[in-house]
Protein backbone atom coordinates (compact mmCIF):
# COMPACT_ATOMS: atom_id res chain seq x y z
CA MET A 1 -0.08 0.23 -0.16
CA GLU A 2 1.37 3.75 -0.89
CA ILE A 3 0.55 5.79 1.84
CA LYS A 4 1.59 9.63 2.44
CA ILE A 5 1.15 11.37 5.62
CA TYR A 6 0.61 15.07 5.59
CA LYS A 7 0.70 17.12 8.63
CA PRO A 8 0.61 20.66 7.31
CA PHE A 9 -0.94 22.51 10.36
CA GLY A 10 -1.64 19.87 13.13
CA PRO A 11 -3.96 16.92 12.53
CA SER A 12 -2.61 14.10 10.68
CA ILE A 13 -4.23 13.83 6.99
CA CYS A 14 -3.34 10.59 5.33
CA LYS A 15 -3.43 9.95 1.35
CA VAL A 16 -4.04 6.71 -0.04
CA THR A 17 -5.09 5.34 -3.58
CA ILE A 18 -8.47 3.68 -3.67
CA PRO A 19 -7.44 0.16 -5.94
CA LYS A 20 -9.25 0.75 -9.11
CA GLU A 21 -11.47 -2.81 -8.78
CA ILE A 22 -13.40 -1.03 -5.51
CA ILE A 23 -13.65 2.17 -7.61
CA GLU A 24 -15.29 0.24 -10.66
CA LYS A 25 -17.70 -1.66 -8.33
CA LEU A 26 -18.62 1.35 -6.48
CA ASN A 27 -19.45 3.24 -9.49
CA SER A 28 -21.79 0.43 -11.01
CA TYR A 29 -23.58 0.21 -7.37
CA ILE A 30 -23.83 4.06 -7.19
CA ASP A 31 -25.32 3.98 -10.93
CA ASP A 32 -27.71 1.10 -10.75
CA VAL A 33 -29.10 3.16 -7.09
CA ILE A 34 -29.45 6.20 -9.49
CA LYS A 35 -31.92 4.30 -11.71
CA ASN A 36 -33.65 2.88 -8.95
CA GLU A 37 -35.96 5.62 -7.52
CA ALA A 38 -37.37 3.31 -4.83
CA LYS A 39 -34.08 2.24 -3.56
CA SER A 40 -32.85 5.91 -4.00
CA LYS A 41 -35.40 7.18 -1.53
CA GLU A 42 -34.61 4.27 0.70
CA LEU A 43 -31.05 5.06 0.76
CA ASP A 44 -31.29 8.85 1.15
CA TYR A 45 -28.73 10.56 3.52
CA GLY A 46 -29.44 14.18 2.63
CA ASN A 47 -31.12 14.83 6.01
CA LYS A 48 -27.74 13.60 8.05
CA LEU A 49 -25.35 15.53 5.97
CA ALA A 50 -24.27 19.23 5.00
CA GLY A 51 -24.40 19.45 1.51
CA ASP A 52 -26.26 21.49 -0.93
CA VAL A 53 -25.79 19.08 -3.58
CA THR A 54 -27.93 16.78 -5.91
CA GLN A 55 -28.26 13.77 -3.86
CA GLU A 56 -26.46 12.07 -1.29
CA PHE A 57 -27.16 8.62 0.10
CA LYS A 58 -25.51 5.85 2.35
CA LEU A 59 -24.15 2.65 1.03
CA GLU A 60 -25.90 -0.60 1.78
CA GLU A 61 -23.69 -3.24 4.03
CA LYS A 62 -23.44 -5.78 1.39
CA ILE A 63 -21.80 -3.39 -1.07
CA ILE A 64 -19.33 -2.19 1.44
CA ASN A 65 -17.89 -5.88 2.56
CA GLU A 66 -18.55 -7.14 -1.31
CA SER A 67 -16.75 -4.74 -3.02
CA GLY A 68 -13.58 -4.44 -0.41
CA TRP A 69 -14.54 -1.14 0.58
CA LEU A 70 -14.68 -2.07 4.09
CA LYS A 71 -11.33 -3.97 4.16
CA PHE A 72 -9.76 -0.92 2.47
CA LEU A 73 -10.86 1.52 4.91
CA GLY A 74 -9.60 -1.00 7.76
CA GLN A 75 -6.34 -1.63 6.65
CA SER A 76 -5.73 2.10 5.50
CA VAL A 77 -6.67 3.59 8.86
CA HIS A 78 -4.57 0.88 10.64
CA GLU A 79 -1.59 1.52 8.78
CA TRP A 80 -2.18 5.52 8.73
CA ILE A 81 -2.40 5.49 13.14
CA ARG A 82 0.68 3.16 13.20
CA LEU A 83 2.64 5.46 11.30
CA ASP A 84 1.59 8.76 12.75
CA THR A 85 1.18 7.49 16.36
CA LYS A 86 3.26 4.42 16.29
CA GLN A 87 0.31 2.48 17.97
CA LYS A 88 -1.63 -0.68 16.65
CA ILE A 89 -5.23 -0.34 16.49
CA GLN A 90 -7.32 -3.71 17.41
CA GLU A 91 -10.86 -1.98 16.55
CA PHE A 92 -12.20 -0.63 13.40
CA LYS A 93 -15.60 -0.18 14.01
CA LEU A 94 -17.64 1.73 10.86
CA ILE A 95 -20.29 3.51 11.57
CA ASP A 96 -21.77 4.60 7.77
CA SER A 97 -20.48 5.16 4.63
CA TRP A 98 -21.82 7.68 2.03
CA VAL A 99 -22.09 8.74 -1.79
CA VAL A 100 -22.32 12.72 -2.49
CA ARG A 101 -23.49 13.46 -5.72
CA GLN A 102 -22.09 17.22 -6.64
CA PHE A 103 -23.05 19.06 -9.83
CA LYS A 104 -22.14 22.58 -10.77
CA ASN A 105 -23.05 25.48 -8.36
CA GLU A 106 -23.45 23.21 -6.05
CA TYR A 107 -21.25 23.00 -3.05
CA ASN A 108 -20.37 21.55 0.62
CA PRO A 109 -20.45 24.13 3.77
CA ILE A 110 -17.87 24.19 6.32
CA HIS A 111 -18.47 20.94 8.44
CA TRP A 112 -16.74 18.24 10.35
CA HIS A 113 -17.99 14.56 11.20
CA GLY A 114 -18.59 12.30 13.91
CA GLY A 115 -17.26 9.12 15.15
CA HIS A 116 -13.23 8.99 16.02
CA VAL A 117 -11.83 8.80 12.31
CA SER A 118 -13.39 10.10 8.94
CA GLY A 119 -12.24 10.15 5.09
CA ALA A 120 -13.25 11.54 1.66
CA GLY A 121 -12.04 10.61 -1.92
CA PHE A 122 -13.24 10.84 -5.59
CA LEU A 123 -14.91 8.28 -7.77
CA LYS A 124 -15.70 10.62 -10.46
CA VAL A 125 -14.64 14.09 -11.04
CA PRO A 126 -15.52 16.68 -14.18
CA GLU A 127 -13.22 17.04 -17.14
CA THR A 128 -12.95 20.38 -15.82
CA LEU A 129 -14.03 22.33 -12.92
CA GLY A 130 -13.99 26.17 -14.53
CA LYS A 131 -12.27 28.90 -13.61
CA TYR A 132 -12.91 32.75 -12.04
CA VAL A 133 -15.62 34.97 -13.74
CA GLN A 134 -13.08 37.75 -13.51
CA ASP A 135 -9.25 37.77 -15.00
CA LYS A 136 -7.19 36.21 -12.16
CA PRO A 137 -4.06 34.47 -13.22
CA ASN A 138 -1.95 34.63 -10.46
CA LYS A 139 -4.87 33.29 -7.75
CA GLU A 140 -5.70 29.81 -7.51
CA TYR A 141 -9.28 28.63 -8.33
CA PHE A 142 -11.05 27.18 -5.50
CA GLY A 143 -14.31 25.86 -7.73
CA GLY A 144 -14.72 21.68 -6.58
CA THR A 145 -11.61 21.82 -4.66
CA LEU A 146 -11.81 19.75 -1.21
CA ASN A 147 -10.47 22.45 1.45
CA PHE A 148 -9.42 21.28 5.12
CA ILE A 149 -9.52 24.09 7.81
CA HIS A 150 -7.56 24.36 10.95
CA GLY A 151 -6.52 27.09 13.12
CA SER A 152 -6.28 30.67 11.90
CA ARG A 153 -4.10 32.04 9.35
CA GLN A 154 -0.53 33.71 11.08
CA PHE A 155 2.77 34.10 9.71
CA MET A 156 4.66 30.90 8.55
CA SER A 157 1.34 29.18 9.09
CA ASN A 158 -1.65 28.48 6.80
CA SER A 159 -4.95 27.63 7.79
CA ASN A 160 -6.05 25.90 4.99
CA PHE A 161 -5.10 23.23 2.78
CA LYS A 162 -6.71 22.95 -0.45
CA ILE A 163 -6.71 19.43 -2.62
CA ILE A 164 -7.77 19.41 -6.18
CA PRO A 165 -9.83 16.29 -6.78
CA LYS A 166 -8.53 13.41 -8.96
CA VAL A 167 -10.33 10.21 -9.10
CA GLY A 168 -9.05 7.01 -6.86
CA ASP A 169 -7.63 9.67 -4.15
CA PHE A 170 -8.61 9.24 -0.33
CA TYR A 171 -7.80 11.23 2.31
CA PHE A 172 -8.03 10.00 5.73
CA PHE A 173 -8.57 12.58 8.59
CA PRO A 174 -9.54 12.85 12.27
CA HIS A 175 -13.32 13.50 12.78
CA TYR A 176 -13.44 16.81 14.11
CA LEU A 177 -11.22 18.43 11.15
CA MET A 178 -13.38 21.14 9.44
CA HIS A 179 -13.80 20.74 5.72
CA SER A 180 -15.53 22.45 2.86
CA VAL A 181 -16.37 21.84 -0.81
CA TYR A 182 -16.63 24.82 -3.21
CA PRO A 183 -19.16 25.05 -5.98
CA PHE A 184 -17.51 24.65 -9.56
CA SER A 185 -18.47 26.33 -12.99
CA GLY A 186 -17.08 24.00 -15.26
CA SER A 187 -18.62 21.02 -16.96
CA ASP A 188 -22.04 19.80 -16.30
CA GLU A 189 -20.52 16.66 -15.22
CA GLU A 190 -20.63 15.11 -11.90
CA ARG A 191 -18.38 15.28 -8.90
CA ARG A 192 -18.89 12.21 -7.19
CA SER A 193 -17.32 11.77 -3.56
CA ILE A 194 -17.39 8.86 -1.17
CA SER A 195 -16.90 9.34 2.56
CA PHE A 196 -17.00 7.37 5.77
CA ASN A 197 -17.22 7.39 9.92
CA ALA A 198 -15.82 5.10 11.88
CA ASN A 199 -14.42 4.41 15.60
CA ILE A 200 -11.25 2.77 16.60
CA ASP A 201 -9.34 2.05 19.77
CA LYS A 202 -10.97 4.49 22.87
CA ASN A 203 -7.83 4.30 24.67
CA ILE A 204 -5.80 5.62 21.40
CA PHE A 205 -8.17 8.15 20.11
CA ASN A 206 -8.86 9.59 23.68
CA VAL A 207 -5.33 10.50 24.65
CA HIS A 208 -6.30 13.25 26.84
CA GLY A 209 -8.87 11.30 28.76
CA GLN A 210 -11.65 13.71 27.94
CA PHE A 211 -14.01 11.42 26.85
């Protein structure tokens, strides 16, 4: 497993690539759910999530297991915690996993997750996310990007970590790390992301004895 740890401003962020076969199985399943109006309603998760987007729905336990998604998450979190804290988790308990279908002009406001550890990654990305309305050649475009926020901007200390979405990239982070997705103005294609919440060993998570 190729794994990279980012620690740009405090909380650890772990980047891993989702195996191609898992992406294909998940996308096939998601496409089937989209076509099935009854199933889409049954799995709708929008009232529990923050996004102002076209569709958000919870993944069923069967596809989570059969696609290899649960195994991927568990192995990745195990390695992330080991590399960052030098400790080995014995417990990985998935709380939920869901899909976000975002299109042009839609967004996900600043929010955080539940559980102990979380993650977000990309299953589909538009060919182009767009550009600024005004001519701003020296400014980075934020449309459609995933942004982690922590602390306040100071000298030699940024408070924002911007990620340009790429199919297969997945980022693990502690549940409390705030993040958002800006609306994009480019293609009419779907920006499809996937996320999860999970608990790990309480004694490893609860480092300050607060819970």
